[in-house]
Protein backbone atom coordinates (compact mmCIF):
# COMPACT_ATOMS: atom_id res chain seq x y z
CA MET A 1 -12.19 -17.40 -66.84
CA GLN A 2 -9.76 -18.64 -69.50
CA LYS A 3 -9.51 -21.99 -67.55
CA GLN A 4 -13.44 -22.18 -67.47
CA LEU A 5 -13.62 -21.75 -71.30
CA GLU A 6 -10.82 -24.45 -72.10
CA GLN A 7 -12.63 -26.90 -69.48
CA LEU A 8 -15.88 -26.27 -71.94
CA ASP A 9 -13.70 -27.29 -75.00
CA GLU A 10 -12.72 -30.35 -73.01
CA ASP A 11 -15.96 -31.26 -72.06
CA TYR A 12 -17.66 -30.81 -75.37
CA GLY A 13 -14.91 -32.16 -77.56
CA VAL A 14 -15.85 -29.74 -80.17
CA GLU A 15 -14.45 -29.23 -83.76
CA TRP A 16 -14.75 -26.39 -85.92
CA GLN A 17 -16.70 -26.40 -89.49
CA GLU A 18 -17.53 -23.84 -91.96
CA TYR A 19 -21.35 -22.98 -92.30
CA GLU A 20 -23.02 -20.76 -94.97
CA ILE A 21 -25.33 -17.85 -93.69
CA GLY A 22 -27.90 -19.14 -96.05
CA GLU A 23 -27.92 -22.69 -94.35
CA LEU A 24 -28.44 -20.90 -90.78
CA PHE A 25 -31.09 -18.52 -91.78
CA SER A 26 -34.62 -19.38 -93.42
CA VAL A 27 -35.24 -15.60 -94.01
CA ILE A 28 -32.73 -12.99 -95.34
CA LYS A 29 -34.53 -10.06 -96.42
CA ARG A 30 -33.93 -6.72 -97.07
CA GLY A 31 -36.20 -3.83 -95.33
CA LYS A 32 -38.00 -1.18 -97.29
CA ARG A 33 -36.84 2.76 -97.69
CA LEU A 34 -38.89 5.23 -95.68
CA LYS A 35 -37.48 8.84 -95.94
CA SER A 36 -36.97 10.74 -93.15
CA LEU A 37 -39.69 13.12 -94.19
CA ASP A 38 -42.30 10.54 -94.46
CA ARG A 39 -41.69 9.22 -91.18
CA ILE A 40 -44.93 9.43 -88.72
CA ALA A 41 -43.81 9.62 -84.99
CA GLY A 42 -44.72 6.26 -83.31
CA ILE A 43 -43.68 3.45 -81.03
CA ILE A 44 -42.14 0.93 -83.60
CA PRO A 45 -38.13 1.21 -83.75
CA PHE A 46 -36.99 1.66 -86.87
CA ILE A 47 -33.46 0.46 -87.90
CA THR A 48 -31.18 2.51 -90.65
CA ALA A 49 -27.23 2.06 -91.35
CA GLY A 50 -24.80 3.08 -88.56
CA VAL A 51 -23.04 2.18 -85.57
CA GLY A 52 -24.69 4.97 -83.30
CA LYS A 53 -27.32 3.79 -81.21
CA GLN A 54 -26.78 0.55 -83.27
CA GLY A 55 -28.67 1.97 -86.03
CA LEU A 56 -31.62 2.94 -84.02
CA SER A 57 -32.70 5.93 -85.92
CA SER A 58 -36.24 6.54 -84.84
CA TYR A 59 -39.51 5.38 -83.51
CA VAL A 60 -42.24 5.43 -86.30
CA GLY A 61 -45.90 4.83 -86.78
CA ASN A 62 -46.25 4.11 -90.24
CA ASP A 63 -47.77 0.84 -91.86
CA ILE A 64 -44.28 -0.73 -92.53
CA GLU A 65 -43.33 -4.31 -92.26
CA ILE A 66 -42.19 -5.52 -88.81
CA PHE A 67 -39.65 -7.99 -88.42
CA PRO A 68 -39.40 -10.20 -85.29
CA ALA A 69 -37.41 -9.89 -82.12
CA ASN A 70 -34.57 -12.35 -81.52
CA SER A 71 -33.06 -11.51 -85.31
CA LEU A 72 -30.06 -10.23 -86.23
CA THR A 73 -29.50 -7.27 -88.97
CA ILE A 74 -26.63 -6.23 -91.32
CA ASP A 75 -26.31 -2.88 -92.68
CA MET A 76 -25.06 -1.57 -95.97
CA PHE A 77 -21.33 -1.16 -94.33
CA GLY A 78 -21.18 -4.84 -92.87
CA SER A 79 -22.13 -3.54 -89.23
CA VAL A 80 -24.24 -6.67 -87.49
CA PHE A 81 -26.29 -6.25 -84.29
CA TYR A 82 -28.59 -8.53 -82.36
CA ARG A 83 -32.35 -7.29 -81.99
CA SER A 84 -33.99 -8.14 -78.82
CA PHE A 85 -37.35 -6.25 -80.24
CA ASP A 86 -39.42 -6.06 -82.88
CA TYR A 87 -38.65 -3.40 -85.35
CA GLY A 88 -39.04 -2.00 -89.06
CA ALA A 89 -36.12 -1.58 -91.00
CA ASP A 90 -35.05 0.81 -94.19
CA ASP A 91 -33.62 -0.79 -97.70
CA HIS A 92 -29.88 -0.39 -96.24
CA VAL A 93 -30.72 -2.93 -93.90
CA THR A 94 -30.80 -6.89 -94.22
CA VAL A 95 -32.36 -8.99 -91.79
CA LEU A 96 -31.72 -12.51 -90.81
CA VAL A 97 -34.39 -14.63 -89.41
CA SER A 98 -34.32 -18.15 -88.46
CA SER A 99 -38.06 -19.42 -88.52
CA GLU A 100 -37.48 -23.32 -88.46
CA GLN A 101 -34.34 -23.25 -85.98
CA LYS A 102 -35.46 -21.31 -82.75
CA TYR A 103 -32.06 -19.73 -82.07
CA SER A 104 -31.81 -18.14 -78.41
CA LYS A 105 -30.30 -15.01 -77.74
CA TYR A 106 -26.99 -16.36 -76.87
CA ILE A 107 -26.57 -18.24 -80.02
CA LEU A 108 -27.42 -15.01 -81.98
CA LEU A 109 -24.87 -13.02 -79.79
CA TYR A 110 -22.41 -15.65 -80.87
CA ILE A 111 -22.96 -15.46 -84.55
CA ALA A 112 -23.13 -12.00 -84.98
CA PRO A 113 -19.40 -11.10 -84.51
CA LEU A 114 -18.47 -13.92 -86.51
CA ILE A 115 -20.68 -12.68 -89.44
CA GLU A 116 -19.19 -9.12 -89.13
CA LYS A 117 -15.30 -10.48 -88.95
CA ALA A 118 -15.98 -12.45 -92.08
CA ILE A 119 -17.20 -9.44 -94.00
CA SER A 120 -14.81 -6.96 -92.28
CA GLY A 121 -13.34 -4.55 -95.13
CA LYS A 122 -15.25 -5.61 -97.89
CA PHE A 123 -17.91 -2.93 -97.64
CA ASP A 124 -18.25 0.83 -97.41
CA TYR A 125 -19.96 3.89 -99.46
CA SER A 126 -18.73 2.54 -102.52
CA ARG A 127 -19.58 -0.97 -102.27
CA ASN A 128 -22.90 -1.44 -100.03
CA PHE A 129 -23.84 -4.69 -98.41
CA TYR A 130 -26.95 -6.27 -99.93
CA ALA A 131 -29.05 -8.96 -98.84
CA SER A 132 -27.78 -11.05 -101.89
CA ASP A 133 -24.40 -11.19 -100.37
CA ALA A 134 -25.45 -12.60 -97.30
CA PRO A 135 -26.45 -16.53 -98.21
CA GLU A 136 -22.61 -17.21 -99.24
CA ILE A 137 -21.00 -15.67 -95.89
CA ARG A 138 -19.21 -18.43 -94.52
CA ILE A 139 -18.54 -18.52 -90.79
CA GLN A 140 -17.01 -21.28 -88.26
CA LEU A 141 -19.10 -22.67 -85.97
CA PRO A 142 -18.26 -25.30 -82.98
CA THR A 143 -19.59 -28.72 -83.98
CA VAL A 144 -20.25 -32.25 -82.09
CA ASN A 145 -20.48 -35.59 -83.14
CA LYS A 146 -24.22 -36.80 -82.51
CA ASP A 147 -25.18 -40.29 -83.10
CA GLY A 148 -22.60 -40.32 -86.28
CA LYS A 149 -23.57 -36.77 -87.58
CA GLN A 150 -21.84 -33.60 -87.24
CA GLU A 151 -24.35 -30.93 -85.65
CA ILE A 152 -23.74 -27.32 -84.31
CA ALA A 153 -22.88 -27.74 -80.57
CA PHE A 154 -25.78 -25.20 -79.37
CA ASP A 155 -25.13 -26.22 -75.88
CA TYR A 156 -21.71 -25.50 -75.95
CA ILE A 157 -22.27 -21.76 -77.35
CA GLU A 158 -24.90 -21.05 -74.88
CA LYS A 159 -22.61 -21.95 -71.98
CA PHE A 160 -19.44 -20.20 -73.57
CA VAL A 161 -21.48 -16.89 -74.02
CA SER A 162 -23.08 -17.59 -70.29
CA THR A 163 -19.49 -17.53 -68.86
CA LEU A 164 -18.51 -14.63 -70.83
CA GLU A 165 -21.63 -12.88 -69.69
CA THR A 166 -21.02 -13.80 -66.25
CA GLU A 167 -17.58 -12.51 -66.23
CA ARG A 168 -18.83 -9.07 -67.37
CA LEU A 169 -21.24 -9.02 -64.49
CA ALA A 170 -18.70 -9.38 -62.09
CA THR A 171 -16.53 -6.93 -63.37
CA LEU A 172 -19.60 -4.30 -63.58
CA GLU A 173 -20.17 -4.70 -59.94
CA LEU A 174 -16.33 -4.25 -59.32
CA TYR A 175 -16.29 -0.98 -61.29
CA MET A 176 -19.25 0.36 -59.46
CA ASN A 177 -17.50 -0.42 -56.13
CA ALA A 178 -14.26 0.92 -57.15
CA THR A 179 -15.93 4.12 -58.36
CA GLY A 180 -18.01 4.78 -55.26
CA MET A 181 -21.15 4.70 -57.84
CA SER A 182 -24.08 3.49 -55.65
CA SER A 183 -26.39 4.48 -58.48
CA TYR A 184 -26.69 4.85 -62.06
CA GLU A 185 -29.52 7.02 -62.12
CA LEU A 186 -29.15 10.48 -63.26
CA ASP A 187 -29.94 13.39 -61.15
CA LEU A 188 -31.59 16.37 -61.66
CA ASN A 189 -28.19 18.43 -62.49
CA GLU A 190 -26.72 15.46 -64.73
CA LYS A 191 -29.90 15.41 -66.72
CA ASN A 192 -29.89 19.13 -67.12
CA ALA A 193 -25.97 18.94 -68.23
CA LEU A 194 -27.06 16.62 -70.92
CA ASN A 195 -29.96 18.47 -72.36
CA VAL A 196 -27.92 21.64 -72.67
CA LEU A 197 -24.77 19.63 -73.93
CA GLU A 198 -25.10 20.96 -77.81
CA LYS A 199 -25.91 24.41 -76.85
CA VAL A 200 -23.30 24.93 -74.14
CA THR A 201 -21.15 27.79 -74.67
CA LEU A 202 -17.39 26.91 -75.22
CA LYS A 203 -14.65 29.14 -75.26
CA GLU A 204 -10.61 28.42 -76.54
CA PHE A 205 -7.94 28.57 -73.93
CA ARG A 206 -4.20 28.30 -74.06
CA MET A 207 -3.30 25.07 -72.00
CA GLU A 208 -0.75 27.09 -70.01
CA ASP A 209 -3.29 29.29 -68.49
CA VAL A 210 -5.52 26.40 -67.25
CA LEU A 211 -3.15 24.14 -66.36
CA VAL A 212 0.30 23.75 -64.69
CA TRP A 213 3.26 22.07 -65.75
CA GLN A 214 4.89 20.46 -62.87
CA LYS A 215 8.54 20.99 -62.36
CA ASN A 216 11.45 18.74 -60.88
CA ILE A 217 9.97 15.75 -61.98
CA SER A 218 12.21 12.49 -61.54
CA GLU A 219 12.71 10.52 -64.66
CA LEU A 220 14.58 6.91 -64.52
CA ASN A 221 16.50 4.76 -66.71
CA PRO A 222 14.79 1.44 -66.63
CA LEU A 223 18.57 0.01 -66.22
CA HIS A 224 18.81 1.91 -62.60
CA LEU A 225 15.58 0.29 -61.37
CA ASP A 226 17.03 -2.47 -59.48
CA SER A 227 19.67 -0.43 -57.54
CA LEU A 228 16.78 2.23 -56.66
CA THR A 229 14.42 -0.91 -55.20
CA ILE A 230 13.44 -0.89 -51.29
CA SER A 231 11.28 -4.05 -51.38
CA ASN A 232 9.71 -6.54 -53.62
CA GLU A 233 6.44 -4.89 -53.05
CA LEU A 234 4.38 -3.76 -56.27
CA LYS A 235 3.36 -0.33 -55.03
CA TYR A 236 3.75 2.32 -57.44
CA PRO A 237 3.21 2.41 -61.01
CA PHE A 238 6.29 3.20 -63.30
CA TYR A 239 4.95 4.91 -66.48
CA GLY A 240 6.69 4.93 -69.78
CA GLN A 241 5.86 6.46 -73.42
CA ALA A 242 3.69 3.61 -74.43
CA THR A 243 0.02 3.09 -75.44
CA VAL A 244 -0.35 -0.26 -73.79
CA TYR A 245 -1.51 -0.71 -70.19
CA ASN A 246 -2.29 3.04 -70.30
CA GLY A 247 1.63 3.31 -70.38
CA VAL A 248 2.26 1.37 -67.35
CA ILE A 249 5.54 -0.74 -67.83
CA GLU A 250 5.30 -2.16 -64.10
CA TYR A 251 4.78 -1.69 -60.42
CA ARG A 252 7.51 -0.78 -58.33
CA HIS A 253 8.46 0.26 -54.77
CA LEU A 254 11.84 2.71 -55.24
CA LYS A 255 13.46 5.20 -52.84
CA ALA A 256 11.18 8.05 -51.91
CA GLU A 257 13.53 10.67 -53.57
CA VAL A 258 12.59 9.14 -57.04
CA LEU A 259 8.75 9.22 -56.44
CA ASN A 260 6.53 11.71 -58.18
CA ASN A 261 3.18 13.04 -56.94
CA LYS A 262 3.80 12.11 -53.56
CA LEU A 263 0.43 13.71 -52.50
CA SER A 264 -1.63 11.47 -55.07
CA LYS A 265 -2.94 14.91 -56.73
CA PRO A 266 -5.22 14.26 -59.85
CA THR A 267 -2.55 14.44 -62.86
CA ILE A 268 -2.55 14.49 -66.20
CA LEU A 269 0.38 12.92 -68.35
CA ILE A 270 0.99 13.83 -71.89
CA HIS A 271 3.74 11.88 -73.63
CA SER A 272 5.43 13.80 -76.61
CA ASN A 273 6.32 10.87 -79.07
CA ASN A 274 2.82 9.23 -79.46
CA GLN A 275 0.20 11.60 -77.78
CA ASN A 276 -0.44 9.26 -75.41
CA THR A 277 -2.94 11.10 -72.74
CA VAL A 278 -3.25 9.34 -69.24
CA TYR A 279 -4.88 10.23 -65.90
CA LEU A 280 -3.86 9.33 -62.58
CA ASP A 281 -4.42 10.21 -58.83
CA THR A 282 -1.55 8.10 -57.30
CA PRO A 283 2.14 8.74 -56.52
CA PHE A 284 4.33 7.44 -59.58
CA TYR A 285 7.73 6.75 -61.34
CA LEU A 286 8.36 8.05 -64.70
CA LYS A 287 10.65 6.45 -67.49
CA ASP A 288 13.47 8.87 -68.58
CA GLY A 289 12.74 10.68 -71.72
CA HIS A 290 14.63 14.03 -71.88
CA GLY A 291 11.53 15.84 -70.52
CA ALA A 292 9.21 14.15 -73.24
CA THR A 293 6.32 13.65 -70.67
CA SER A 294 4.30 16.79 -69.70
CA VAL A 295 3.01 16.31 -66.03
CA LEU A 296 0.17 18.65 -65.69
CA GLN A 297 -1.87 19.45 -62.59
CA SER A 298 -4.34 22.14 -61.46
CA GLU A 299 -6.62 22.97 -58.47
CA ASN A 300 -9.69 22.56 -60.54
CA LEU A 301 -8.64 19.19 -61.60
CA ASN A 302 -10.53 16.18 -60.35
CA ARG A 303 -11.22 12.65 -61.71
CA MET A 304 -14.44 14.21 -63.61
CA THR A 305 -12.98 17.45 -65.01
CA ALA A 306 -9.68 15.42 -66.04
CA GLN A 307 -11.62 13.26 -68.32
CA PHE A 308 -13.33 16.44 -70.16
CA PHE A 309 -9.66 18.15 -70.27
CA MET A 310 -8.43 14.94 -71.65
CA THR A 311 -11.32 14.54 -74.53
CA SER A 312 -10.60 18.44 -75.47
CA ILE A 313 -6.71 17.95 -75.34
CA LYS A 314 -6.54 14.78 -77.32
CA LYS A 315 -9.15 16.05 -79.98
CA VAL A 316 -6.48 18.72 -80.92
CA ILE A 317 -3.25 17.13 -80.43
CA LEU A 318 -3.90 13.81 -82.34
CA GLN A 319 -4.71 15.90 -85.35
CA LYS A 320 -1.71 18.35 -84.73
CA TYR A 321 1.18 16.41 -83.66
CA THR A 322 2.91 13.32 -85.29
CA TYR A 323 6.01 11.35 -84.13
CA ASN A 324 7.87 13.55 -86.39
CA SER A 325 6.33 16.65 -85.19
CA LYS A 326 6.19 16.21 -81.36
CA ALA A 327 3.66 17.48 -78.53
CA THR A 328 6.50 18.94 -76.75
CA LYS A 329 5.94 20.90 -73.56
CA ILE A 330 6.72 24.48 -75.45
CA GLU A 331 4.14 23.14 -77.99
CA LEU A 332 1.51 22.14 -75.71
CA LYS A 333 1.86 25.11 -73.50
CA ASN A 334 0.72 27.29 -76.88
CA THR A 335 -2.21 25.01 -77.67
CA TYR A 336 -5.51 26.10 -77.42
CA ILE A 337 -8.30 23.75 -76.28
CA SER A 338 -11.89 24.22 -75.87
CA LEU A 339 -13.75 24.37 -72.54
CA PRO A 340 -17.51 25.36 -71.21
CA VAL A 341 -17.35 28.60 -69.86
CA LYS A 342 -19.62 30.59 -67.22
CA PRO A 343 -21.18 33.97 -67.99
CA ASP A 344 -18.13 35.67 -67.12
CA ASN A 345 -16.03 33.61 -69.70
CA THR A 346 -14.10 31.63 -67.21
CA PRO A 347 -14.04 27.64 -67.34
CA ASP A 348 -17.31 26.06 -66.00
CA TYR A 349 -15.66 23.34 -63.89
CA ASP A 350 -18.97 22.47 -62.23
CA TYR A 351 -20.48 21.59 -65.38
CA MET A 352 -17.35 19.66 -66.58
CA SER A 353 -18.00 17.65 -63.65
CA THR A 354 -21.52 16.86 -63.79
CA VAL A 355 -21.73 16.21 -67.69
CA ILE A 356 -18.75 13.59 -67.37
CA SER A 357 -20.67 12.22 -64.52
CA ALA A 358 -23.92 11.98 -66.33
CA MET A 359 -21.84 10.48 -69.18
CA GLN A 360 -20.24 7.83 -67.12
CA LYS A 361 -23.96 6.96 -65.55
CA VAL A 362 -25.61 6.60 -69.23
CA VAL A 363 -22.91 3.96 -70.31
CA ILE A 364 -23.19 1.85 -67.18
CA LYS A 365 -26.97 2.37 -67.35
CA ASN A 366 -26.91 0.79 -71.03
CA VAL A 367 -25.01 -2.16 -69.78
CA VAL A 368 -27.31 -2.81 -66.98
CA ASP A 369 -30.39 -2.54 -68.68
CA TYR A 370 -29.10 -5.26 -71.01
CA LEU A 371 -27.83 -7.55 -68.18
CA ASP A 372 -30.50 -6.47 -65.48
CA GLN A 373 -32.31 -9.61 -66.00
CA ARG A 374 -29.47 -11.98 -65.76
CA ILE A 375 -28.02 -10.36 -62.51
CA GLU A 376 -30.02 -12.23 -59.95
CA LYS A 377 -29.19 -15.79 -61.76
CA THR A 378 -25.55 -15.10 -61.62
CA LYS A 379 -25.33 -13.54 -58.19
CA GLY A 380 -24.61 -16.96 -56.83
CA ILE A 381 -21.53 -17.64 -59.55
CA ILE A 382 -19.78 -14.57 -58.89
CA GLY A 383 -20.27 -14.63 -55.18
CA ALA A 384 -22.23 -11.48 -54.80
């Protein structure tokens, strides 16, 4: 993809020039306050400040100003979103509309993150973003020389965003194939799991009571890898205590006696220094760290339950431990995490699997809903 983007730059010969938001949008307007208690249920999407659901707080039937689709909003904290639908907005939201220059969806999707980057860190509870702040925001846009005049390279932007979107489509299809997810539609059990999510009974369990610390784990000095190498095949991951690439330093094919998890059991790694938590279900090699990495398994652990466990674990250990107060094996064994339980107060592993599966499908469906209209047009490009 990088080569395609570089080729675009070369084909268009773009330069970069600063533009003020006031130059780009003819309508810069603030919404109007509508208190929660005054809202009448209806079908009009109502936008407020916040990143959750991109600020979509409710659907109302009040007599309010309707802002047009294909516009941008900036909330009081500086979060910028593209709107593909007509909507109402409260007084903590600024609306940007171009009534003279009809920008396409791609143009607005390109501009939105540039605005957010330009105002990042400047606005919060103590200093809100206001509509009056918008006109003088400056962003850089690609320009071309057309008949001796510098103009925004709209064609370039369209193709740039389209290229990125095509790449995302390919990635989405690969992900669904790799996970065996033939459908992102929720089944009845998954719907029920999400419906009771806030009401589910949780109980605290000591980690040692629900997970098993693996013994006789081989840890390797990186300086000895070459002497242990069997072939140049990039066969199994070599993990270290790092947060980038999920802790994978490289892939190696080493002697069998230093290989861990030969049966490919579902496994959770927790690194004591940085509390990085990783799931894997393949054999692996581990960098030496004087036992600094906990290797956890359980007969009830699978890809789905592991994700639930990891969420519960990280919620606790990221607050409890630091580099100077490490998440050692002794500490972790006596750390308590919250898990959903059945009526007999034992962990409800079926529920964990179902709710994680449902959440994954919801995320995929949100992506698909956005890209669905583009899939057929891009099938030929991605070779599907």
